Amino acid sequence: MSRRCELTGKGPMSGNNVSHANNKTRRRFLPNLQDVSLQSEALGRSFKLRVSSAALRSVDHRGGLDAYLARAKDEELSPNAQKIKRDLAKAQTAA
């Protein structure tokens, strides 16, 4: 399973542990990923996604999954999220 957020594309970063004696050893900073079900009002169903906690706050702030995906860039989205975005666009043009 990939350690990458499906909505923002946020992934692992690298850096240093720095001791009190200023010794530096490499480490990884992993994103805080959560398995969540997000509801789409336009499609009338929920989707299971693996997203970071920061992305969950962004989804809440923008007013739900539909509004978030409408403004999201395709390069950041996972293939699964891109498919949901295409389905939303089809549902909105049909309505």
PDB file of N, CA and C in Angstrom:
ATOM      1  N   MET A   1       0.841  -1.179   0.000  1.00  0.00           N
ATOM      2  CA  MET A   1       0.000   0.000   0.000  1.00  0.00           C
ATOM      3  C   MET A   1       0.891   1.249   0.000  1.00  0.00           C
ATOM      4  N   SER A   2       0.583   2.154  -0.863  1.00  0.00           N
ATOM      5  CA  SER A   2       1.393   3.355  -1.019  1.00  0.00           C
ATOM      6  C   SER A   2       1.208   4.314   0.152  1.00  0.00           C
ATOM      7  N   ARG A   3       2.277   4.960   0.551  1.00  0.00           N
ATOM      8  CA  ARG A   3       2.206   5.967   1.623  1.00  0.00           C
ATOM      9  C   ARG A   3       2.011   7.342   0.999  1.00  0.00           C
ATOM     10  N   ARG A   4       0.956   7.487   0.221  1.00  0.00           N
ATOM     11  CA  ARG A   4       0.698   8.744  -0.477  1.00  0.00           C
ATOM     12  C   ARG A   4      -0.789   9.071  -0.353  1.00  0.00           C
ATOM     13  N   CYS A   5      -1.089  10.332  -0.067  1.00  0.00           N
ATOM     14  CA  CYS A   5      -2.465  10.793   0.058  1.00  0.00           C
ATOM     15  C   CYS A   5      -3.122  10.781  -1.328  1.00  0.00           C
ATOM     16  N   GLU A   6      -4.347  10.250  -1.408  1.00  0.00           N
ATOM     17  CA  GLU A   6      -5.029  10.143  -2.694  1.00  0.00           C
ATOM     18  C   GLU A   6      -5.578  11.479  -3.181  1.00  0.00           C
ATOM     19  N   LEU A   7      -5.741  12.453  -2.306  1.00  0.00           N
ATOM     20  CA  LEU A   7      -6.303  13.734  -2.713  1.00  0.00           C
ATOM     21  C   LEU A   7      -5.252  14.823  -2.910  1.00  0.00           C
ATOM     22  N   THR A   8      -4.240  14.869  -2.053  1.00  0.00           N
ATOM     23  CA  THR A   8      -3.253  15.948  -2.150  1.00  0.00           C
ATOM     24  C   THR A   8      -1.936  15.490  -2.759  1.00  0.00           C
ATOM     25  N   GLY A   9      -1.693  14.190  -2.818  1.00  0.00           N
ATOM     26  CA  GLY A   9      -0.425  13.691  -3.332  1.00  0.00           C
ATOM     27  C   GLY A   9       0.709  13.767  -2.327  1.00  0.00           C
ATOM     28  N   LYS A  10       0.401  14.126  -1.096  1.00  0.00           N
ATOM     29  CA  LYS A  10       1.423  14.247  -0.059  1.00  0.00           C
ATOM     30  C   LYS A  10       2.024  12.882   0.238  1.00  0.00           C
ATOM     31  N   GLY A  11       3.366  12.804   0.251  1.00  0.00           N
ATOM     32  CA  GLY A  11       4.065  11.546   0.482  1.00  0.00           C
ATOM     33  C   GLY A  11       5.170  11.704   1.510  1.00  0.00           C
ATOM     34  N   PRO A  12       5.989  10.661   1.691  1.00  0.00           N
ATOM     35  CA  PRO A  12       7.073  10.730   2.671  1.00  0.00           C
ATOM     36  C   PRO A  12       8.115  11.784   2.291  1.00  0.00           C
ATOM     37  N   MET A  13       8.668  12.440   3.314  1.00  0.00           N
ATOM     38  CA  MET A  13       9.765  13.391   3.129  1.00  0.00           C
ATOM     39  C   MET A  13      10.937  12.889   3.958  1.00  0.00           C
ATOM     40  N   SER A  14      12.132  13.349   3.645  1.00  0.00           N
ATOM     41  CA  SER A  14      13.298  12.926   4.416  1.00  0.00           C
ATOM     42  C   SER A  14      13.924  14.131   5.091  1.00  0.00           C
ATOM     43  N   GLY A  15      14.649  13.844   6.158  1.00  0.00           N
ATOM     44  CA  GLY A  15      15.315  14.894   6.912  1.00  0.00           C
ATOM     45  C   GLY A  15      16.323  14.270   7.860  1.00  0.00           C
ATOM     46  N   ASN A  16      16.648  14.981   8.902  1.00  0.00           N
ATOM     47  CA  ASN A  16      17.639  14.528   9.871  1.00  0.00           C
ATOM     48  C   ASN A  16      17.067  14.491  11.276  1.00  0.00           C
ATOM     49  N   ASN A  17      17.477  13.447  12.047  1.00  0.00           N
ATOM     50  CA  ASN A  17      17.365  13.506  13.494  1.00  0.00           C
ATOM     51  C   ASN A  17      18.604  14.257  13.965  1.00  0.00           C
ATOM     52  N   VAL A  18      18.429  15.224  14.831  1.00  0.00           N
ATOM     53  CA  VAL A  18      19.572  15.993  15.338  1.00  0.00           C
ATOM     54  C   VAL A  18      19.609  15.810  16.854  1.00  0.00           C
ATOM     55  N   SER A  19      20.705  15.205  17.339  1.00  0.00           N
ATOM     56  CA  SER A  19      20.835  14.949  18.768  1.00  0.00           C
ATOM     57  C   SER A  19      21.306  16.210  19.489  1.00  0.00           C
ATOM     58  N   HIS A  20      21.326  16.126  20.822  1.00  0.00           N
ATOM     59  CA  HIS A  20      21.807  17.242  21.632  1.00  0.00           C
ATOM     60  C   HIS A  20      23.271  17.548  21.318  1.00  0.00           C
ATOM     61  N   ALA A  21      24.038  16.512  20.929  1.00  0.00           N
ATOM     62  CA  ALA A  21      25.445  16.694  20.561  1.00  0.00           C
ATOM     63  C   ALA A  21      25.598  17.108  19.092  1.00  0.00           C
ATOM     64  N   ASN A  22      24.475  17.420  18.431  1.00  0.00           N
ATOM     65  CA  ASN A  22      24.434  17.875  17.033  1.00  0.00           C
ATOM     66  C   ASN A  22      24.862  16.790  16.045  1.00  0.00           C
ATOM     67  N   ASN A  23      24.696  15.503  16.433  1.00  0.00           N
ATOM     68  CA  ASN A  23      24.902  14.410  15.485  1.00  0.00           C
ATOM     69  C   ASN A  23      23.665  14.309  14.602  1.00  0.00           C
ATOM     70  N   LYS A  24      23.876  14.076  13.316  1.00  0.00           N
ATOM     71  CA  LYS A  24      22.757  14.025  12.376  1.00  0.00           C
ATOM     72  C   LYS A  24      22.656  12.632  11.757  1.00  0.00           C
ATOM     73  N   THR A  25      21.472  12.043  11.839  1.00  0.00           N
ATOM     74  CA  THR A  25      21.191  10.769  11.187  1.00  0.00           C
ATOM     75  C   THR A  25      19.925  10.940  10.344  1.00  0.00           C
ATOM     76  N   ARG A  26      19.892  10.273   9.199  1.00  0.00           N
ATOM     77  CA  ARG A  26      18.756  10.423   8.290  1.00  0.00           C
ATOM     78  C   ARG A  26      17.498   9.776   8.870  1.00  0.00           C
ATOM     79  N   ARG A  27      16.353  10.358   8.548  1.00  0.00           N
ATOM     80  CA  ARG A  27      15.061   9.831   8.965  1.00  0.00           C
ATOM     81  C   ARG A  27      14.015  10.175   7.929  1.00  0.00           C
ATOM     82  N   ARG A  28      12.845   9.579   8.063  1.00  0.00           N
ATOM     83  CA  ARG A  28      11.722   9.844   7.156  1.00  0.00           C
ATOM     84  C   ARG A  28      10.567  10.449   7.938  1.00  0.00           C
ATOM     85  N   PHE A  29       9.919  11.430   7.340  1.00  0.00           N
ATOM     86  CA  PHE A  29       8.704  12.017   7.886  1.00  0.00           C
ATOM     87  C   PHE A  29       7.541  11.457   7.066  1.00  0.00           C
ATOM     88  N   LEU A  30       6.703  10.628   7.674  1.00  0.00           N
ATOM     89  CA  LEU A  30       5.590  10.009   6.961  1.00  0.00           C
ATOM     90  C   LEU A  30       4.323  10.844   7.144  1.00  0.00           C
ATOM     91  N   PRO A  31       3.494  10.939   6.116  1.00  0.00           N
ATOM     92  CA  PRO A  31       2.240  11.681   6.260  1.00  0.00           C
ATOM     93  C   PRO A  31       1.272  10.920   7.161  1.00  0.00           C
ATOM     94  N   ASN A  32       0.393  11.660   7.812  1.00  0.00           N
ATOM     95  CA  ASN A  32      -0.599  11.068   8.713  1.00  0.00           C
ATOM     96  C   ASN A  32      -1.789  10.598   7.870  1.00  0.00           C
ATOM     97  N   LEU A  33      -1.711   9.376   7.349  1.00  0.00           N
ATOM     98  CA  LEU A  33      -2.752   8.859   6.455  1.00  0.00           C
ATOM     99  C   LEU A  33      -3.826   8.117   7.233  1.00  0.00           C
ATOM    100  N   GLN A  34      -5.069   8.315   6.813  1.00  0.00           N
ATOM    101  CA  GLN A  34      -6.221   7.676   7.430  1.00  0.00           C
ATOM    102  C   GLN A  34      -7.070   7.033   6.340  1.00  0.00           C
ATOM    103  N   ASP A  35      -7.634   5.859   6.626  1.00  0.00           N
ATOM    104  CA  ASP A  35      -8.590   5.226   5.720  1.00  0.00           C
ATOM    105  C   ASP A  35      -9.973   5.750   6.089  1.00  0.00           C
ATOM    106  N   VAL A  36     -10.599   6.494   5.178  1.00  0.00           N
ATOM    107  CA  VAL A  36     -11.892   7.105   5.466  1.00  0.00           C
ATOM    108  C   VAL A  36     -12.866   6.839   4.325  1.00  0.00           C
ATOM    109  N   SER A  37     -14.149   6.948   4.637  1.00  0.00           N
ATOM    110  CA  SER A  37     -15.201   6.916   3.634  1.00  0.00           C
ATOM    111  C   SER A  37     -15.745   8.326   3.508  1.00  0.00           C
ATOM    112  N   LEU A  38     -15.689   8.876   2.289  1.00  0.00           N
ATOM    113  CA  LEU A  38     -16.194  10.217   2.042  1.00  0.00           C
ATOM    114  C   LEU A  38     -17.430  10.124   1.175  1.00  0.00           C
ATOM    115  N   GLN A  39     -18.463  10.883   1.539  1.00  0.00           N
ATOM    116  CA  GLN A  39     -19.749  10.847   0.858  1.00  0.00           C
ATOM    117  C   GLN A  39     -19.795  11.865  -0.270  1.00  0.00           C
ATOM    118  N   SER A  40     -20.268  11.443  -1.436  1.00  0.00           N
ATOM    119  CA  SER A  40     -20.505  12.347  -2.556  1.00  0.00           C
ATOM    120  C   SER A  40     -22.004  12.582  -2.663  1.00  0.00           C
ATOM    121  N   GLU A  41     -22.412  13.849  -2.565  1.00  0.00           N
ATOM    122  CA  GLU A  41     -23.836  14.155  -2.643  1.00  0.00           C
ATOM    123  C   GLU A  41     -24.345  14.065  -4.077  1.00  0.00           C
ATOM    124  N   ALA A  42     -23.528  14.460  -5.052  1.00  0.00           N
ATOM    125  CA  ALA A  42     -23.963  14.446  -6.449  1.00  0.00           C
ATOM    126  C   ALA A  42     -24.144  13.017  -6.965  1.00  0.00           C
ATOM    127  N   LEU A  43     -23.256  12.110  -6.543  1.00  0.00           N
ATOM    128  CA  LEU A  43     -23.349  10.727  -7.006  1.00  0.00           C
ATOM    129  C   LEU A  43     -24.194   9.854  -6.088  1.00  0.00           C
ATOM    130  N   GLY A  44     -24.441  10.321  -4.862  1.00  0.00           N
ATOM    131  CA  GLY A  44     -25.287   9.588  -3.931  1.00  0.00           C
ATOM    132  C   GLY A  44     -24.667   8.334  -3.360  1.00  0.00           C
ATOM    133  N   ARG A  45     -23.355   8.309  -3.237  1.00  0.00           N
ATOM    134  CA  ARG A  45     -22.687   7.153  -2.642  1.00  0.00           C
ATOM    135  C   ARG A  45     -21.408   7.594  -1.954  1.00  0.00           C
ATOM    136  N   SER A  46     -20.800   6.671  -1.205  1.00  0.00           N
ATOM    137  CA  SER A  46     -19.555   6.998  -0.507  1.00  0.00           C
ATOM    138  C   SER A  46     -18.392   6.260  -1.151  1.00  0.00           C
ATOM    139  N   PHE A  47     -17.193   6.807  -0.949  1.00  0.00           N
ATOM    140  CA  PHE A  47     -15.978   6.252  -1.520  1.00  0.00           C
ATOM    141  C   PHE A  47     -14.954   6.074  -0.423  1.00  0.00           C
ATOM    142  N   LYS A  48     -14.259   4.922  -0.434  1.00  0.00           N
ATOM    143  CA  LYS A  48     -13.191   4.678   0.526  1.00  0.00           C
ATOM    144  C   LYS A  48     -11.894   5.218  -0.057  1.00  0.00           C
ATOM    145  N   LEU A  49     -11.249   6.121   0.671  1.00  0.00           N
ATOM    146  CA  LEU A  49     -10.005   6.735   0.229  1.00  0.00           C
ATOM    147  C   LEU A  49      -8.996   6.708   1.359  1.00  0.00           C
ATOM    148  N   ARG A  50      -7.719   6.766   1.002  1.00  0.00           N
ATOM    149  CA  ARG A  50      -6.628   6.856   1.982  1.00  0.00           C
ATOM    150  C   ARG A  50      -6.070   8.271   1.881  1.00  0.00           C
ATOM    151  N   VAL A  51      -6.437   9.120   2.836  1.00  0.00           N
ATOM    152  CA  VAL A  51      -6.097  10.539   2.757  1.00  0.00           C
ATOM    153  C   VAL A  51      -5.401  11.001   4.032  1.00  0.00           C
ATOM    154  N   SER A  52      -4.658  12.093   3.909  1.00  0.00           N
ATOM    155  CA  SER A  52      -3.979  12.671   5.068  1.00  0.00           C
ATOM    156  C   SER A  52      -4.984  13.460   5.900  1.00  0.00           C
ATOM    157  N   SER A  53      -4.648  13.680   7.158  1.00  0.00           N
ATOM    158  CA  SER A  53      -5.536  14.441   8.028  1.00  0.00           C
ATOM    159  C   SER A  53      -5.636  15.890   7.550  1.00  0.00           C
ATOM    160  N   ALA A  54      -4.576  16.422   6.942  1.00  0.00           N
ATOM    161  CA  ALA A  54      -4.639  17.780   6.390  1.00  0.00           C
ATOM    162  C   ALA A  54      -5.629  17.842   5.225  1.00  0.00           C
ATOM    163  N   ALA A  55      -5.686  16.790   4.413  1.00  0.00           N
ATOM    164  CA  ALA A  55      -6.637  16.752   3.306  1.00  0.00           C
ATOM    165  C   ALA A  55      -8.070  16.669   3.828  1.00  0.00           C
ATOM    166  N   LEU A  56      -8.288  15.948   4.926  1.00  0.00           N
ATOM    167  CA  LEU A  56      -9.630  15.886   5.514  1.00  0.00           C
ATOM    168  C   LEU A  56     -10.102  17.267   5.956  1.00  0.00           C
ATOM    169  N   ARG A  57      -9.195  18.050   6.534  1.00  0.00           N
ATOM    170  CA  ARG A  57      -9.560  19.413   6.924  1.00  0.00           C
ATOM    171  C   ARG A  57      -9.873  20.262   5.702  1.00  0.00           C
ATOM    172  N   SER A  58      -9.112  20.057   4.611  1.00  0.00           N
ATOM    173  CA  SER A  58      -9.360  20.807   3.380  1.00  0.00           C
ATOM    174  C   SER A  58     -10.712  20.435   2.775  1.00  0.00           C
ATOM    175  N   VAL A  59     -11.058  19.154   2.808  1.00  0.00           N
ATOM    176  CA  VAL A  59     -12.358  18.712   2.291  1.00  0.00           C
ATOM    177  C   VAL A  59     -13.480  19.362   3.098  1.00  0.00           C
ATOM    178  N   ASP A  60     -13.337  19.381   4.417  1.00  0.00           N
ATOM    179  CA  ASP A  60     -14.330  20.043   5.273  1.00  0.00           C
ATOM    180  C   ASP A  60     -14.423  21.533   4.962  1.00  0.00           C
ATOM    181  N   HIS A  61     -13.289  22.165   4.804  1.00  0.00           N
ATOM    182  CA  HIS A  61     -13.243  23.611   4.582  1.00  0.00           C
ATOM    183  C   HIS A  61     -13.912  24.005   3.268  1.00  0.00           C
ATOM    184  N   ARG A  62     -13.728  23.181   2.230  1.00  0.00           N
ATOM    185  CA  ARG A  62     -14.298  23.495   0.911  1.00  0.00           C
ATOM    186  C   ARG A  62     -15.754  23.076   0.784  1.00  0.00           C
ATOM    187  N   GLY A  63     -16.274  22.337   1.758  1.00  0.00           N
ATOM    188  CA  GLY A  63     -17.694  21.996   1.729  1.00  0.00           C
ATOM    189  C   GLY A  63     -18.010  20.607   1.219  1.00  0.00           C
ATOM    190  N   GLY A  64     -17.101  19.666   1.359  1.00  0.00           N
ATOM    191  CA  GLY A  64     -17.375  18.282   0.985  1.00  0.00           C
ATOM    192  C   GLY A  64     -16.498  17.794  -0.146  1.00  0.00           C
ATOM    193  N   LEU A  65     -16.628  16.505  -0.422  1.00  0.00           N
ATOM    194  CA  LEU A  65     -15.797  15.855  -1.430  1.00  0.00           C
ATOM    195  C   LEU A  65     -16.047  16.424  -2.823  1.00  0.00           C
ATOM    196  N   ASP A  66     -17.307  16.683  -3.162  1.00  0.00           N
ATOM    197  CA  ASP A  66     -17.629  17.185  -4.504  1.00  0.00           C
ATOM    198  C   ASP A  66     -16.970  18.533  -4.771  1.00  0.00           C
ATOM    199  N   ALA A  67     -17.054  19.441  -3.821  1.00  0.00           N
ATOM    200  CA  ALA A  67     -16.459  20.773  -3.989  1.00  0.00           C
ATOM    201  C   ALA A  67     -14.938  20.688  -4.008  1.00  0.00           C
ATOM    202  N   TYR A  68     -14.368  19.790  -3.202  1.00  0.00           N
ATOM    203  CA  TYR A  68     -12.909  19.644  -3.176  1.00  0.00           C
ATOM    204  C   TYR A  68     -12.393  19.150  -4.528  1.00  0.00           C
ATOM    205  N   LEU A  69     -13.029  18.113  -5.065  1.00  0.00           N
ATOM    206  CA  LEU A  69     -12.566  17.537  -6.335  1.00  0.00           C
ATOM    207  C   LEU A  69     -12.773  18.489  -7.506  1.00  0.00           C
ATOM    208  N   ALA A  70     -13.790  19.344  -7.434  1.00  0.00           N
ATOM    209  CA  ALA A  70     -14.037  20.299  -8.519  1.00  0.00           C
ATOM    210  C   ALA A  70     -12.872  21.272  -8.662  1.00  0.00           C
ATOM    211  N   ARG A  71     -12.219  21.621  -7.544  1.00  0.00           N
ATOM    212  CA  ARG A  71     -11.122  22.588  -7.584  1.00  0.00           C
ATOM    213  C   ARG A  71      -9.745  21.945  -7.586  1.00  0.00           C
ATOM    214  N   ALA A  72      -9.655  20.612  -7.407  1.00  0.00           N
ATOM    215  CA  ALA A  72      -8.358  19.937  -7.288  1.00  0.00           C
ATOM    216  C   ALA A  72      -7.691  19.784  -8.650  1.00  0.00           C
ATOM    217  N   LYS A  73      -6.358  19.815  -8.650  1.00  0.00           N
ATOM    218  CA  LYS A  73      -5.578  19.593  -9.866  1.00  0.00           C
ATOM    219  C   LYS A  73      -5.466  18.091 -10.126  1.00  0.00           C
ATOM    220  N   ASP A  74      -5.566  17.707 -11.390  1.00  0.00           N
ATOM    221  CA  ASP A  74      -5.522  16.285 -11.739  1.00  0.00           C
ATOM    222  C   ASP A  74      -4.172  15.649 -11.426  1.00  0.00           C
ATOM    223  N   GLU A  75      -3.073  16.425 -11.483  1.00  0.00           N
ATOM    224  CA  GLU A  75      -1.744  15.861 -11.231  1.00  0.00           C
ATOM    225  C   GLU A  75      -1.597  15.377  -9.794  1.00  0.00           C
ATOM    226  N   GLU A  76      -2.307  16.014  -8.851  1.00  0.00           N
ATOM    227  CA  GLU A  76      -2.179  15.647  -7.437  1.00  0.00           C
ATOM    228  C   GLU A  76      -3.048  14.445  -7.083  1.00  0.00           C
ATOM    229  N   LEU A  77      -4.105  14.205  -7.843  1.00  0.00           N
ATOM    230  CA  LEU A  77      -5.056  13.160  -7.494  1.00  0.00           C
ATOM    231  C   LEU A  77      -4.566  11.781  -7.918  1.00  0.00           C
ATOM    232  N   SER A  78      -4.959  10.766  -7.150  1.00  0.00           N
ATOM    233  CA  SER A  78      -4.663   9.383  -7.519  1.00  0.00           C
ATOM    234  C   SER A  78      -5.583   8.979  -8.670  1.00  0.00           C
ATOM    235  N   PRO A  79      -5.270   7.883  -9.363  1.00  0.00           N
ATOM    236  CA  PRO A  79      -6.167   7.433 -10.439  1.00  0.00           C
ATOM    237  C   PRO A  79      -7.601   7.181  -9.963  1.00  0.00           C
ATOM    238  N   ASN A  80      -7.746   6.662  -8.746  1.00  0.00           N
ATOM    239  CA  ASN A  80      -9.075   6.430  -8.181  1.00  0.00           C
ATOM    240  C   ASN A  80      -9.821   7.750  -7.991  1.00  0.00           C
ATOM    241  N   ALA A  81      -9.154   8.760  -7.455  1.00  0.00           N
ATOM    242  CA  ALA A  81      -9.785  10.062  -7.237  1.00  0.00           C
ATOM    243  C   ALA A  81     -10.074  10.755  -8.566  1.00  0.00           C
ATOM    244  N   GLN A  82      -9.224  10.555  -9.572  1.00  0.00           N
ATOM    245  CA  GLN A  82      -9.480  11.138 -10.893  1.00  0.00           C
ATOM    246  C   GLN A  82     -10.744  10.542 -11.509  1.00  0.00           C
ATOM    247  N   LYS A  83     -10.966   9.250 -11.294  1.00  0.00           N
ATOM    248  CA  LYS A  83     -12.165   8.605 -11.818  1.00  0.00           C
ATOM    249  C   LYS A  83     -13.409   9.173 -11.131  1.00  0.00           C
ATOM    250  N   ILE A  84     -13.333   9.385  -9.821  1.00  0.00           N
ATOM    251  CA  ILE A  84     -14.457   9.977  -9.090  1.00  0.00           C
ATOM    252  C   ILE A  84     -14.731  11.385  -9.620  1.00  0.00           C
ATOM    253  N   LYS A  85     -13.671  12.145  -9.882  1.00  0.00           N
ATOM    254  CA  LYS A  85     -13.827  13.509 -10.405  1.00  0.00           C
ATOM    255  C   LYS A  85     -14.501  13.490 -11.777  1.00  0.00           C
ATOM    256  N   ARG A  86     -14.108  12.556 -12.654  1.00  0.00           N
ATOM    257  CA  ARG A  86     -14.741  12.448 -13.977  1.00  0.00           C
ATOM    258  C   ARG A  86     -16.219  12.080 -13.848  1.00  0.00           C
ATOM    259  N   ASP A  87     -16.543  11.150 -12.936  1.00  0.00           N
ATOM    260  CA  ASP A  87     -17.932  10.764 -12.725  1.00  0.00           C
ATOM    261  C   ASP A  87     -18.762  11.941 -12.212  1.00  0.00           C
ATOM    262  N   LEU A  88     -18.152  12.766 -11.343  1.00  0.00           N
ATOM    263  CA  LEU A  88     -18.847  13.959 -10.842  1.00  0.00           C
ATOM    264  C   LEU A  88     -19.131  14.942 -11.966  1.00  0.00           C
ATOM    265  N   ALA A  89     -18.150  15.129 -12.841  1.00  0.00           N
ATOM    266  CA  ALA A  89     -18.331  16.063 -13.959  1.00  0.00           C
ATOM    267  C   ALA A  89     -19.451  15.585 -14.880  1.00  0.00           C
ATOM    268  N   LYS A  90     -19.520  14.268 -15.134  1.00  0.00           N
ATOM    269  CA  LYS A  90     -20.585  13.723 -15.975  1.00  0.00           C
ATOM    270  C   LYS A  90     -21.952  13.913 -15.316  1.00  0.00           C
ATOM    271  N   ALA A  91     -22.018  13.689 -13.997  1.00  0.00           N
ATOM    272  CA  ALA A  91     -23.282  13.822 -13.284  1.00  0.00           C
ATOM    273  C   ALA A  91     -23.755  15.278 -13.269  1.00  0.00           C
ATOM    274  N   GLN A  92     -22.818  16.218 -13.163  1.00  0.00           N
ATOM    275  CA  GLN A  92     -23.201  17.633 -13.126  1.00  0.00           C
ATOM    276  C   GLN A  92     -23.625  18.136 -14.496  1.00  0.00           C
ATOM    277  N   THR A  93     -23.020  17.625 -15.577  1.00  0.00           N
ATOM    278  CA  THR A  93     -23.441  18.059 -16.917  1.00  0.00           C
ATOM    279  C   THR A  93     -24.782  17.420 -17.291  1.00  0.00           C
ATOM    280  N   ALA A  94     -25.057  16.228 -16.778  1.00  0.00           N
ATOM    281  CA  ALA A  94     -26.312  15.567 -17.083  1.00  0.00           C
ATOM    282  C   ALA A  94     -27.472  16.201 -16.313  1.00  0.00           C
ATOM    283  N   ALA A  95     -27.181  16.796 -15.167  1.00  0.00           N
ATOM    284  CA  ALA A  95     -28.259  17.366 -14.329  1.00  0.00           C
ATOM    285  C   ALA A  95     -28.712  18.727 -14.799  1.00  0.00           C
TER     286      ALA A  95
END
